[in-house]
Amino acid sequence: MAKLVFRLNDAPEEEADAIRTLLEEHHIDYYETHSGNWGFSVAGIWIKRNEDKLQARQLIDEYQSQQHFSSPLEVESFFQMLLRQPLRVLFYLAIILFVLYFSIMPFMSMGE
């Protein structure tokens, strides 16, 4: 059974490429899944064989610990995300407003 070893959501493309190369160099079979059109699915790198999971996890952890100090953590602001993924942000805002409307609506009719 396949095991998820690396999430691609919000991972820099350079890091994802390095992980792919690392797995290929060590002859570990993997496949990728993508988040889909709406971004709800798990985008990640999956190991095909359970026996390779421990080795793959160790390789990825070692790589990330080496890269940890060389690249600063970037936090994306709301406006950067709005510019990068406007439809997703608008979709989430619509859901928030929908839930908020139905949460407040019963209390609004109490005063009538």
PDB file of N, CA and C in Angstrom:
ATOM      1  N   MET A   1       0.832  -1.178   0.000  1.00  0.00           N
ATOM      2  CA  MET A   1       0.000   0.000   0.000  1.00  0.00           C
ATOM      3  C   MET A   1       0.879   1.244   0.000  1.00  0.00           C
ATOM      4  N   ALA A   2       0.484   2.235  -0.748  1.00  0.00           N
ATOM      5  CA  ALA A   2       1.270   3.466  -0.879  1.00  0.00           C
ATOM      6  C   ALA A   2       1.226   4.288   0.405  1.00  0.00           C
ATOM      7  N   LYS A   3       2.320   5.002   0.666  1.00  0.00           N
ATOM      8  CA  LYS A   3       2.425   5.852   1.850  1.00  0.00           C
ATOM      9  C   LYS A   3       2.870   7.243   1.427  1.00  0.00           C
ATOM     10  N   LEU A   4       2.230   8.256   1.990  1.00  0.00           N
ATOM     11  CA  LEU A   4       2.587   9.642   1.730  1.00  0.00           C
ATOM     12  C   LEU A   4       3.860   9.980   2.495  1.00  0.00           C
ATOM     13  N   VAL A   5       4.863  10.501   1.777  1.00  0.00           N
ATOM     14  CA  VAL A   5       6.108  10.878   2.450  1.00  0.00           C
ATOM     15  C   VAL A   5       6.427  12.361   2.327  1.00  0.00           C
ATOM     16  N   PHE A   6       5.771  13.058   1.385  1.00  0.00           N
ATOM     17  CA  PHE A   6       6.078  14.481   1.213  1.00  0.00           C
ATOM     18  C   PHE A   6       4.864  15.189   0.627  1.00  0.00           C
ATOM     19  N   ARG A   7       4.377  16.207   1.329  1.00  0.00           N
ATOM     20  CA  ARG A   7       3.249  16.993   0.828  1.00  0.00           C
ATOM     21  C   ARG A   7       3.762  18.091  -0.107  1.00  0.00           C
ATOM     22  N   LEU A   8       3.118  18.196  -1.267  1.00  0.00           N
ATOM     23  CA  LEU A   8       3.523  19.196  -2.244  1.00  0.00           C
ATOM     24  C   LEU A   8       2.774  20.514  -2.083  1.00  0.00           C
ATOM     25  N   ASN A   9       1.703  20.527  -1.294  1.00  0.00           N
ATOM     26  CA  ASN A   9       0.961  21.772  -1.077  1.00  0.00           C
ATOM     27  C   ASN A   9       1.881  22.797  -0.432  1.00  0.00           C
ATOM     28  N   ASP A  10       2.008  23.937  -1.048  1.00  0.00           N
ATOM     29  CA  ASP A  10       2.812  25.054  -0.539  1.00  0.00           C
ATOM     30  C   ASP A  10       4.301  24.746  -0.431  1.00  0.00           C
ATOM     31  N   ALA A  11       4.770  23.664  -1.030  1.00  0.00           N
ATOM     32  CA  ALA A  11       6.204  23.365  -1.036  1.00  0.00           C
ATOM     33  C   ALA A  11       6.834  24.077  -2.233  1.00  0.00           C
ATOM     34  N   PRO A  12       7.997  24.689  -2.046  1.00  0.00           N
ATOM     35  CA  PRO A  12       8.671  25.330  -3.184  1.00  0.00           C
ATOM     36  C   PRO A  12       9.016  24.291  -4.255  1.00  0.00           C
ATOM     37  N   GLU A  13       8.940  24.690  -5.505  1.00  0.00           N
ATOM     38  CA  GLU A  13       9.199  23.768  -6.607  1.00  0.00           C
ATOM     39  C   GLU A  13      10.633  23.238  -6.565  1.00  0.00           C
ATOM     40  N   GLU A  14      11.575  24.062  -6.122  1.00  0.00           N
ATOM     41  CA  GLU A  14      12.972  23.611  -6.022  1.00  0.00           C
ATOM     42  C   GLU A  14      13.099  22.464  -5.025  1.00  0.00           C
ATOM     43  N   GLU A  15      12.399  22.582  -3.904  1.00  0.00           N
ATOM     44  CA  GLU A  15      12.452  21.524  -2.894  1.00  0.00           C
ATOM     45  C   GLU A  15      11.792  20.250  -3.415  1.00  0.00           C
ATOM     46  N   ALA A  16      10.657  20.390  -4.083  1.00  0.00           N
ATOM     47  CA  ALA A  16       9.976  19.222  -4.636  1.00  0.00           C
ATOM     48  C   ALA A  16      10.849  18.528  -5.682  1.00  0.00           C
ATOM     49  N   ASP A  17      11.514  19.307  -6.528  1.00  0.00           N
ATOM     50  CA  ASP A  17      12.428  18.722  -7.520  1.00  0.00           C
ATOM     51  C   ASP A  17      13.585  17.999  -6.851  1.00  0.00           C
ATOM     52  N   ALA A  18      14.102  18.586  -5.775  1.00  0.00           N
ATOM     53  CA  ALA A  18      15.217  17.958  -5.058  1.00  0.00           C
ATOM     54  C   ALA A  18      14.774  16.638  -4.425  1.00  0.00           C
ATOM     55  N   ILE A  19      13.567  16.591  -3.896  1.00  0.00           N
ATOM     56  CA  ILE A  19      13.047  15.354  -3.296  1.00  0.00           C
ATOM     57  C   ILE A  19      12.869  14.288  -4.365  1.00  0.00           C
ATOM     58  N   ARG A  20      12.333  14.680  -5.527  1.00  0.00           N
ATOM     59  CA  ARG A  20      12.165  13.723  -6.628  1.00  0.00           C
ATOM     60  C   ARG A  20      13.515  13.147  -7.047  1.00  0.00           C
ATOM     61  N   THR A  21      14.492  14.023  -7.201  1.00  0.00           N
ATOM     62  CA  THR A  21      15.834  13.592  -7.599  1.00  0.00           C
ATOM     63  C   THR A  21      16.441  12.667  -6.557  1.00  0.00           C
ATOM     64  N   LEU A  22      16.270  13.011  -5.300  1.00  0.00           N
ATOM     65  CA  LEU A  22      16.790  12.202  -4.200  1.00  0.00           C
ATOM     66  C   LEU A  22      16.204  10.796  -4.226  1.00  0.00           C
ATOM     67  N   LEU A  23      14.905  10.698  -4.430  1.00  0.00           N
ATOM     68  CA  LEU A  23      14.258   9.383  -4.480  1.00  0.00           C
ATOM     69  C   LEU A  23      14.712   8.584  -5.705  1.00  0.00           C
ATOM     70  N   GLU A  24      14.867   9.259  -6.831  1.00  0.00           N
ATOM     71  CA  GLU A  24      15.318   8.574  -8.042  1.00  0.00           C
ATOM     72  C   GLU A  24      16.753   8.077  -7.896  1.00  0.00           C
ATOM     73  N   GLU A  25      17.616   8.884  -7.266  1.00  0.00           N
ATOM     74  CA  GLU A  25      19.013   8.484  -7.073  1.00  0.00           C
ATOM     75  C   GLU A  25      19.123   7.234  -6.202  1.00  0.00           C
ATOM     76  N   HIS A  26      18.183   7.062  -5.280  1.00  0.00           N
ATOM     77  CA  HIS A  26      18.212   5.906  -4.387  1.00  0.00           C
ATOM     78  C   HIS A  26      17.277   4.787  -4.857  1.00  0.00           C
ATOM     79  N   HIS A  27      16.795   4.906  -6.096  1.00  0.00           N
ATOM     80  CA  HIS A  27      15.964   3.878  -6.738  1.00  0.00           C
ATOM     81  C   HIS A  27      14.727   3.538  -5.911  1.00  0.00           C
ATOM     82  N   ILE A  28      14.067   4.568  -5.419  1.00  0.00           N
ATOM     83  CA  ILE A  28      12.835   4.393  -4.667  1.00  0.00           C
ATOM     84  C   ILE A  28      11.678   4.760  -5.596  1.00  0.00           C
ATOM     85  N   ASP A  29      10.775   3.809  -5.825  1.00  0.00           N
ATOM     86  CA  ASP A  29       9.629   4.037  -6.700  1.00  0.00           C
ATOM     87  C   ASP A  29       8.606   4.922  -5.997  1.00  0.00           C
ATOM     88  N   TYR A  30       8.137   5.938  -6.699  1.00  0.00           N
ATOM     89  CA  TYR A  30       7.160   6.859  -6.145  1.00  0.00           C
ATOM     90  C   TYR A  30       6.219   7.332  -7.237  1.00  0.00           C
ATOM     91  N   TYR A  31       5.147   7.950  -6.823  1.00  0.00           N
ATOM     92  CA  TYR A  31       4.273   8.643  -7.754  1.00  0.00           C
ATOM     93  C   TYR A  31       3.735   9.883  -7.071  1.00  0.00           C
ATOM     94  N   GLU A  32       3.161  10.792  -7.871  1.00  0.00           N
ATOM     95  CA  GLU A  32       2.666  12.053  -7.340  1.00  0.00           C
ATOM     96  C   GLU A  32       1.170  12.185  -7.546  1.00  0.00           C
ATOM     97  N   THR A  33       0.551  12.878  -6.615  1.00  0.00           N
ATOM     98  CA  THR A  33      -0.840  13.267  -6.781  1.00  0.00           C
ATOM     99  C   THR A  33      -0.893  14.790  -6.712  1.00  0.00           C
ATOM    100  N   HIS A  34      -1.901  15.353  -7.340  1.00  0.00           N
ATOM    101  CA  HIS A  34      -2.044  16.810  -7.372  1.00  0.00           C
ATOM    102  C   HIS A  34      -3.307  17.217  -6.622  1.00  0.00           C
ATOM    103  N   SER A  35      -3.387  18.469  -6.264  1.00  0.00           N
ATOM    104  CA  SER A  35      -4.490  18.930  -5.424  1.00  0.00           C
ATOM    105  C   SER A  35      -5.798  19.096  -6.176  1.00  0.00           C
ATOM    106  N   GLY A  36      -5.793  18.957  -7.461  1.00  0.00           N
ATOM    107  CA  GLY A  36      -7.027  19.077  -8.230  1.00  0.00           C
ATOM    108  C   GLY A  36      -7.373  20.520  -8.524  1.00  0.00           C
ATOM    109  N   ASN A  37      -8.495  20.713  -9.194  1.00  0.00           N
ATOM    110  CA  ASN A  37      -8.903  22.056  -9.612  1.00  0.00           C
ATOM    111  C   ASN A  37      -9.242  22.968  -8.444  1.00  0.00           C
ATOM    112  N   TRP A  38      -9.836  22.424  -7.384  1.00  0.00           N
ATOM    113  CA  TRP A  38     -10.256  23.235  -6.250  1.00  0.00           C
ATOM    114  C   TRP A  38      -9.251  23.228  -5.117  1.00  0.00           C
ATOM    115  N   GLY A  39      -8.223  22.414  -5.204  1.00  0.00           N
ATOM    116  CA  GLY A  39      -7.192  22.390  -4.173  1.00  0.00           C
ATOM    117  C   GLY A  39      -7.565  21.615  -2.926  1.00  0.00           C
ATOM    118  N   PHE A  40      -8.577  20.739  -2.996  1.00  0.00           N
ATOM    119  CA  PHE A  40      -9.016  19.995  -1.824  1.00  0.00           C
ATOM    120  C   PHE A  40      -8.296  18.661  -1.659  1.00  0.00           C
ATOM    121  N   SER A  41      -7.780  18.099  -2.733  1.00  0.00           N
ATOM    122  CA  SER A  41      -7.104  16.799  -2.646  1.00  0.00           C
ATOM    123  C   SER A  41      -5.699  16.966  -2.097  1.00  0.00           C
ATOM    124  N   VAL A  42      -5.101  15.854  -1.709  1.00  0.00           N
ATOM    125  CA  VAL A  42      -3.741  15.881  -1.164  1.00  0.00           C
ATOM    126  C   VAL A  42      -2.746  15.841  -2.325  1.00  0.00           C
ATOM    127  N   ALA A  43      -1.978  16.902  -2.442  1.00  0.00           N
ATOM    128  CA  ALA A  43      -0.902  16.920  -3.422  1.00  0.00           C
ATOM    129  C   ALA A  43       0.344  16.419  -2.705  1.00  0.00           C
ATOM    130  N   GLY A  44       0.913  15.349  -3.206  1.00  0.00           N
ATOM    131  CA  GLY A  44       2.058  14.797  -2.501  1.00  0.00           C
ATOM    132  C   GLY A  44       2.827  13.780  -3.297  1.00  0.00           C
ATOM    133  N   ILE A  45       3.933  13.361  -2.714  1.00  0.00           N
ATOM    134  CA  ILE A  45       4.758  12.297  -3.267  1.00  0.00           C
ATOM    135  C   ILE A  45       4.521  11.069  -2.400  1.00  0.00           C
ATOM    136  N   TRP A  46       4.138   9.992  -3.048  1.00  0.00           N
ATOM    137  CA  TRP A  46       3.785   8.750  -2.375  1.00  0.00           C
ATOM    138  C   TRP A  46       4.789   7.673  -2.740  1.00  0.00           C
ATOM    139  N   ILE A  47       5.152   6.861  -1.755  1.00  0.00           N
ATOM    140  CA  ILE A  47       6.053   5.733  -1.963  1.00  0.00           C
ATOM    141  C   ILE A  47       5.210   4.511  -2.278  1.00  0.00           C
ATOM    142  N   LYS A  48       5.583   3.789  -3.327  1.00  0.00           N
ATOM    143  CA  LYS A  48       4.777   2.646  -3.766  1.00  0.00           C
ATOM    144  C   LYS A  48       4.899   1.441  -2.830  1.00  0.00           C
ATOM    145  N   ARG A  49       6.103   1.210  -2.302  1.00  0.00           N
ATOM    146  CA  ARG A  49       6.309   0.021  -1.454  1.00  0.00           C
ATOM    147  C   ARG A  49       6.533   0.440  -0.008  1.00  0.00           C
ATOM    148  N   ASN A  50       5.876  -0.262   0.902  1.00  0.00           N
ATOM    149  CA  ASN A  50       6.022   0.039   2.331  1.00  0.00           C
ATOM    150  C   ASN A  50       7.463  -0.105   2.807  1.00  0.00           C
ATOM    151  N   GLU A  51       8.200  -1.023   2.204  1.00  0.00           N
ATOM    152  CA  GLU A  51       9.580  -1.282   2.635  1.00  0.00           C
ATOM    153  C   GLU A  51      10.480  -0.065   2.403  1.00  0.00           C
ATOM    154  N   ASP A  52      10.126   0.785   1.451  1.00  0.00           N
ATOM    155  CA  ASP A  52      10.955   1.947   1.120  1.00  0.00           C
ATOM    156  C   ASP A  52      10.597   3.188   1.938  1.00  0.00           C
ATOM    157  N   LYS A  53       9.521   3.120   2.703  1.00  0.00           N
ATOM    158  CA  LYS A  53       9.046   4.320   3.400  1.00  0.00           C
ATOM    159  C   LYS A  53      10.062   4.851   4.400  1.00  0.00           C
ATOM    160  N   LEU A  54      10.625   4.006   5.209  1.00  0.00           N
ATOM    161  CA  LEU A  54      11.572   4.446   6.228  1.00  0.00           C
ATOM    162  C   LEU A  54      12.797   5.098   5.598  1.00  0.00           C
ATOM    163  N   GLN A  55      13.341   4.459   4.570  1.00  0.00           N
ATOM    164  CA  GLN A  55      14.511   5.018   3.894  1.00  0.00           C
ATOM    165  C   GLN A  55      14.173   6.362   3.252  1.00  0.00           C
ATOM    166  N   ALA A  56      13.024   6.448   2.593  1.00  0.00           N
ATOM    167  CA  ALA A  56      12.620   7.696   1.944  1.00  0.00           C
ATOM    168  C   ALA A  56      12.430   8.797   2.977  1.00  0.00           C
ATOM    169  N   ARG A  57      11.781   8.479   4.089  1.00  0.00           N
ATOM    170  CA  ARG A  57      11.548   9.475   5.139  1.00  0.00           C
ATOM    171  C   ARG A  57      12.874   9.982   5.715  1.00  0.00           C
ATOM    172  N   GLN A  58      13.841   9.057   5.903  1.00  0.00           N
ATOM    173  CA  GLN A  58      15.151   9.461   6.423  1.00  0.00           C
ATOM    174  C   GLN A  58      15.877  10.365   5.437  1.00  0.00           C
ATOM    175  N   LEU A  59      15.818  10.030   4.153  1.00  0.00           N
ATOM    176  CA  LEU A  59      16.466  10.853   3.123  1.00  0.00           C
ATOM    177  C   LEU A  59      15.848  12.251   3.069  1.00  0.00           C
ATOM    178  N   ILE A  60      14.528  12.315   3.139  1.00  0.00           N
ATOM    179  CA  ILE A  60      13.840  13.606   3.084  1.00  0.00           C
ATOM    180  C   ILE A  60      14.148  14.429   4.331  1.00  0.00           C
ATOM    181  N   ASP A  61      14.116  13.803   5.497  1.00  0.00           N
ATOM    182  CA  ASP A  61      14.435  14.517   6.740  1.00  0.00           C
ATOM    183  C   ASP A  61      15.857  15.051   6.726  1.00  0.00           C
ATOM    184  N   GLU A  62      16.774  14.238   6.241  1.00  0.00           N
ATOM    185  CA  GLU A  62      18.179  14.663   6.165  1.00  0.00           C
ATOM    186  C   GLU A  62      18.326  15.841   5.209  1.00  0.00           C
ATOM    187  N   TYR A  63      17.682  15.757   4.060  1.00  0.00           N
ATOM    188  CA  TYR A  63      17.742  16.853   3.084  1.00  0.00           C
ATOM    189  C   TYR A  63      17.165  18.137   3.683  1.00  0.00           C
ATOM    190  N   GLN A  64      16.004  18.020   4.330  1.00  0.00           N
ATOM    191  CA  GLN A  64      15.366  19.213   4.891  1.00  0.00           C
ATOM    192  C   GLN A  64      16.169  19.815   6.039  1.00  0.00           C
ATOM    193  N   SER A  65      16.817  18.979   6.819  1.00  0.00           N
ATOM    194  CA  SER A  65      17.630  19.528   7.914  1.00  0.00           C
ATOM    195  C   SER A  65      18.850  20.270   7.380  1.00  0.00           C
ATOM    196  N   GLN A  66      19.385  19.817   6.251  1.00  0.00           N
ATOM    197  CA  GLN A  66      20.517  20.515   5.633  1.00  0.00           C
ATOM    198  C   GLN A  66      20.076  21.842   5.028  1.00  0.00           C
ATOM    199  N   GLN A  67      18.884  21.878   4.476  1.00  0.00           N
ATOM    200  CA  GLN A  67      18.384  23.077   3.815  1.00  0.00           C
ATOM    201  C   GLN A  67      17.726  24.059   4.777  1.00  0.00           C
ATOM    202  N   HIS A  68      17.446  23.619   5.982  1.00  0.00           N
ATOM    203  CA  HIS A  68      16.699  24.427   6.943  1.00  0.00           C
ATOM    204  C   HIS A  68      17.350  25.783   7.199  1.00  0.00           C
ATOM    205  N   PHE A  69      18.651  25.815   7.376  1.00  0.00           N
ATOM    206  CA  PHE A  69      19.319  27.049   7.734  1.00  0.00           C
ATOM    207  C   PHE A  69      19.692  27.891   6.524  1.00  0.00           C
ATOM    208  N   SER A  70      19.686  27.290   5.325  1.00  0.00           N
ATOM    209  CA  SER A  70      20.102  28.043   4.154  1.00  0.00           C
ATOM    210  C   SER A  70      18.973  28.827   3.499  1.00  0.00           C
ATOM    211  N   SER A  71      17.714  28.477   3.776  1.00  0.00           N
ATOM    212  CA  SER A  71      16.610  29.206   3.160  1.00  0.00           C
ATOM    213  C   SER A  71      15.670  29.734   4.238  1.00  0.00           C
ATOM    214  N   PRO A  72      15.412  31.042   4.216  1.00  0.00           N
ATOM    215  CA  PRO A  72      14.518  31.618   5.224  1.00  0.00           C
ATOM    216  C   PRO A  72      13.072  31.218   4.960  1.00  0.00           C
ATOM    217  N   LEU A  73      12.294  31.167   6.024  1.00  0.00           N
ATOM    218  CA  LEU A  73      10.885  30.818   5.924  1.00  0.00           C
ATOM    219  C   LEU A  73      10.121  32.028   5.401  1.00  0.00           C
ATOM    220  N   GLU A  74       9.364  31.824   4.329  1.00  0.00           N
ATOM    221  CA  GLU A  74       8.554  32.897   3.775  1.00  0.00           C
ATOM    222  C   GLU A  74       7.106  32.652   4.129  1.00  0.00           C
ATOM    223  N   VAL A  75       6.470  33.671   4.681  1.00  0.00           N
ATOM    224  CA  VAL A  75       5.056  33.579   5.002  1.00  0.00           C
ATOM    225  C   VAL A  75       4.318  34.465   4.007  1.00  0.00           C
ATOM    226  N   GLU A  76       3.336  33.884   3.361  1.00  0.00           N
ATOM    227  CA  GLU A  76       2.592  34.605   2.342  1.00  0.00           C
ATOM    228  C   GLU A  76       1.486  35.423   2.998  1.00  0.00           C
ATOM    229  N   SER A  77       1.398  36.689   2.648  1.00  0.00           N
ATOM    230  CA  SER A  77       0.346  37.534   3.198  1.00  0.00           C
ATOM    231  C   SER A  77      -0.970  37.272   2.475  1.00  0.00           C
ATOM    232  N   PHE A  78      -2.042  37.793   3.043  1.00  0.00           N
ATOM    233  CA  PHE A  78      -3.362  37.622   2.444  1.00  0.00           C
ATOM    234  C   PHE A  78      -3.383  38.201   1.021  1.00  0.00           C
ATOM    235  N   PHE A  79      -2.797  39.377   0.848  1.00  0.00           N
ATOM    236  CA  PHE A  79      -2.836  40.037  -0.454  1.00  0.00           C
ATOM    237  C   PHE A  79      -1.959  39.313  -1.478  1.00  0.00           C
ATOM    238  N   GLN A  80      -0.846  38.729  -1.035  1.00  0.00           N
ATOM    239  CA  GLN A  80      -0.036  37.926  -1.947  1.00  0.00           C
ATOM    240  C   GLN A  80      -0.806  36.694  -2.402  1.00  0.00           C
ATOM    241  N   MET A  81      -1.523  36.061  -1.461  1.00  0.00           N
ATOM    242  CA  MET A  81      -2.321  34.901  -1.822  1.00  0.00           C
ATOM    243  C   MET A  81      -3.470  35.314  -2.744  1.00  0.00           C
ATOM    244  N   LEU A  82      -4.053  36.476  -2.489  1.00  0.00           N
ATOM    245  CA  LEU A  82      -5.137  36.978  -3.338  1.00  0.00           C
ATOM    246  C   LEU A  82      -4.643  37.204  -4.760  1.00  0.00           C
ATOM    247  N   LEU A  83      -3.444  37.724  -4.906  1.00  0.00           N
ATOM    248  CA  LEU A  83      -2.884  37.933  -6.242  1.00  0.00           C
ATOM    249  C   LEU A  83      -2.490  36.627  -6.914  1.00  0.00           C
ATOM    250  N   ARG A  84      -2.002  35.670  -6.124  1.00  0.00           N
ATOM    251  CA  ARG A  84      -1.540  34.408  -6.689  1.00  0.00           C
ATOM    252  C   ARG A  84      -2.693  33.465  -6.998  1.00  0.00           C
ATOM    253  N   GLN A  85      -3.703  33.413  -6.130  1.00  0.00           N
ATOM    254  CA  GLN A  85      -4.826  32.494  -6.306  1.00  0.00           C
ATOM    255  C   GLN A  85      -6.139  33.216  -6.010  1.00  0.00           C
ATOM    256  N   PRO A  86      -6.559  34.132  -6.892  1.00  0.00           N
ATOM    257  CA  PRO A  86      -7.754  34.929  -6.589  1.00  0.00           C
ATOM    258  C   PRO A  86      -9.037  34.104  -6.500  1.00  0.00           C
ATOM    259  N   LEU A  87      -9.203  33.095  -7.323  1.00  0.00           N
ATOM    260  CA  LEU A  87     -10.424  32.299  -7.276  1.00  0.00           C
ATOM    261  C   LEU A  87     -10.542  31.507  -5.982  1.00  0.00           C
ATOM    262  N   ARG A  88      -9.452  30.959  -5.527  1.00  0.00           N
ATOM    263  CA  ARG A  88      -9.474  30.206  -4.275  1.00  0.00           C
ATOM    264  C   ARG A  88      -9.822  31.116  -3.100  1.00  0.00           C
ATOM    265  N   VAL A  89      -9.225  32.301  -3.071  1.00  0.00           N
ATOM    266  CA  VAL A  89      -9.501  33.245  -1.977  1.00  0.00           C
ATOM    267  C   VAL A  89     -10.957  33.674  -2.010  1.00  0.00           C
ATOM    268  N   LEU A  90     -11.483  33.979  -3.184  1.00  0.00           N
ATOM    269  CA  LEU A  90     -12.886  34.377  -3.294  1.00  0.00           C
ATOM    270  C   LEU A  90     -13.826  33.229  -2.903  1.00  0.00           C
ATOM    271  N   PHE A  91     -13.458  32.017  -3.271  1.00  0.00           N
ATOM    272  CA  PHE A  91     -14.256  30.849  -2.895  1.00  0.00           C
ATOM    273  C   PHE A  91     -14.292  30.688  -1.377  1.00  0.00           C
ATOM    274  N   TYR A  92     -13.145  30.805  -0.722  1.00  0.00           N
ATOM    275  CA  TYR A  92     -13.098  30.691   0.732  1.00  0.00           C
ATOM    276  C   TYR A  92     -13.880  31.822   1.407  1.00  0.00           C
ATOM    277  N   LEU A  93     -13.774  33.031   0.872  1.00  0.00           N
ATOM    278  CA  LEU A  93     -14.530  34.146   1.436  1.00  0.00           C
ATOM    279  C   LEU A  93     -16.030  33.917   1.297  1.00  0.00           C
ATOM    280  N   ALA A  94     -16.452  33.362   0.160  1.00  0.00           N
ATOM    281  CA  ALA A  94     -17.871  33.064  -0.046  1.00  0.00           C
ATOM    282  C   ALA A  94     -18.361  32.032   0.971  1.00  0.00           C
ATOM    283  N   ILE A  95     -17.552  31.023   1.241  1.00  0.00           N
ATOM    284  CA  ILE A  95     -17.923  30.014   2.237  1.00  0.00           C
ATOM    285  C   ILE A  95     -18.023  30.641   3.628  1.00  0.00           C
ATOM    286  N   ILE A  96     -17.076  31.496   3.958  1.00  0.00           N
ATOM    287  CA  ILE A  96     -17.086  32.158   5.267  1.00  0.00           C
ATOM    288  C   ILE A  96     -18.342  33.013   5.419  1.00  0.00           C
ATOM    289  N   LEU A  97     -18.671  33.783   4.384  1.00  0.00           N
ATOM    290  CA  LEU A  97     -19.868  34.628   4.442  1.00  0.00           C
ATOM    291  C   LEU A  97     -21.138  33.793   4.520  1.00  0.00           C
ATOM    292  N   PHE A  98     -21.170  32.673   3.820  1.00  0.00           N
ATOM    293  CA  PHE A  98     -22.316  31.768   3.844  1.00  0.00           C
ATOM    294  C   PHE A  98     -22.543  31.228   5.259  1.00  0.00           C
ATOM    295  N   VAL A  99     -21.494  30.745   5.876  1.00  0.00           N
ATOM    296  CA  VAL A  99     -21.592  30.206   7.244  1.00  0.00           C
ATOM    297  C   VAL A  99     -21.949  31.317   8.227  1.00  0.00           C
ATOM    298  N   LEU A 100     -21.343  32.462   8.073  1.00  0.00           N
ATOM    299  CA  LEU A 100     -21.634  33.590   8.952  1.00  0.00           C
ATOM    300  C   LEU A 100     -23.093  34.022   8.834  1.00  0.00           C
ATOM    301  N   TYR A 101     -23.598  34.085   7.624  1.00  0.00           N
ATOM    302  CA  TYR A 101     -24.997  34.475   7.400  1.00  0.00           C
ATOM    303  C   TYR A 101     -25.950  33.525   8.121  1.00  0.00           C
ATOM    304  N   PHE A 102     -25.754  32.222   7.927  1.00  0.00           N
ATOM    305  CA  PHE A 102     -26.656  31.262   8.549  1.00  0.00           C
ATOM    306  C   PHE A 102     -26.422  31.114  10.055  1.00  0.00           C
ATOM    307  N   SER A 103     -25.295  31.562  10.542  1.00  0.00           N
ATOM    308  CA  SER A 103     -25.047  31.541  11.988  1.00  0.00           C
ATOM    309  C   SER A 103     -25.733  32.715  12.688  1.00  0.00           C
ATOM    310  N   ILE A 104     -25.785  33.842  12.011  1.00  0.00           N
ATOM    311  CA  ILE A 104     -26.328  35.069  12.619  1.00  0.00           C
ATOM    312  C   ILE A 104     -27.829  35.225  12.330  1.00  0.00           C
ATOM    313  N   MET A 105     -28.299  34.697  11.234  1.00  0.00           N
ATOM    314  CA  MET A 105     -29.691  34.900  10.801  1.00  0.00           C
ATOM    315  C   MET A 105     -30.741  34.541  11.863  1.00  0.00           C
ATOM    316  N   PRO A 106     -30.631  33.437  12.592  1.00  0.00           N
ATOM    317  CA  PRO A 106     -31.656  33.146  13.624  1.00  0.00           C
ATOM    318  C   PRO A 106     -31.744  34.215  14.702  1.00  0.00           C
ATOM    319  N   PHE A 107     -30.650  34.833  15.028  1.00  0.00           N
ATOM    320  CA  PHE A 107     -30.641  35.867  16.076  1.00  0.00           C
ATOM    321  C   PHE A 107     -31.192  37.191  15.562  1.00  0.00           C
ATOM    322  N   MET A 108     -31.108  37.438  14.271  1.00  0.00           N
ATOM    323  CA  MET A 108     -31.610  38.669  13.693  1.00  0.00           C
ATOM    324  C   MET A 108     -33.141  38.685  13.705  1.00  0.00           C
ATOM    325  N   SER A 109     -33.770  37.522  13.593  1.00  0.00           N
ATOM    326  CA  SER A 109     -35.239  37.490  13.550  1.00  0.00           C
ATOM    327  C   SER A 109     -35.850  37.457  14.955  1.00  0.00           C
ATOM    328  N   MET A 110     -35.053  37.370  15.994  1.00  0.00           N
ATOM    329  CA  MET A 110     -35.566  37.324  17.371  1.00  0.00           C
ATOM    330  C   MET A 110     -36.203  38.657  17.793  1.00  0.00           C
ATOM    331  N   GLY A 111     -35.694  39.736  17.301  1.00  0.00           N
ATOM    332  CA  GLY A 111     -36.190  41.038  17.719  1.00  0.00           C
ATOM    333  C   GLY A 111     -37.482  41.444  17.041  1.00  0.00           C
ATOM    334  N   GLU A 112     -37.946  40.726  16.082  1.00  0.00           N
ATOM    335  CA  GLU A 112     -39.155  41.095  15.347  1.00  0.00           C
ATOM    336  C   GLU A 112     -40.404  40.604  16.006  1.00  0.00           C
TER     337      GLU A 112
END
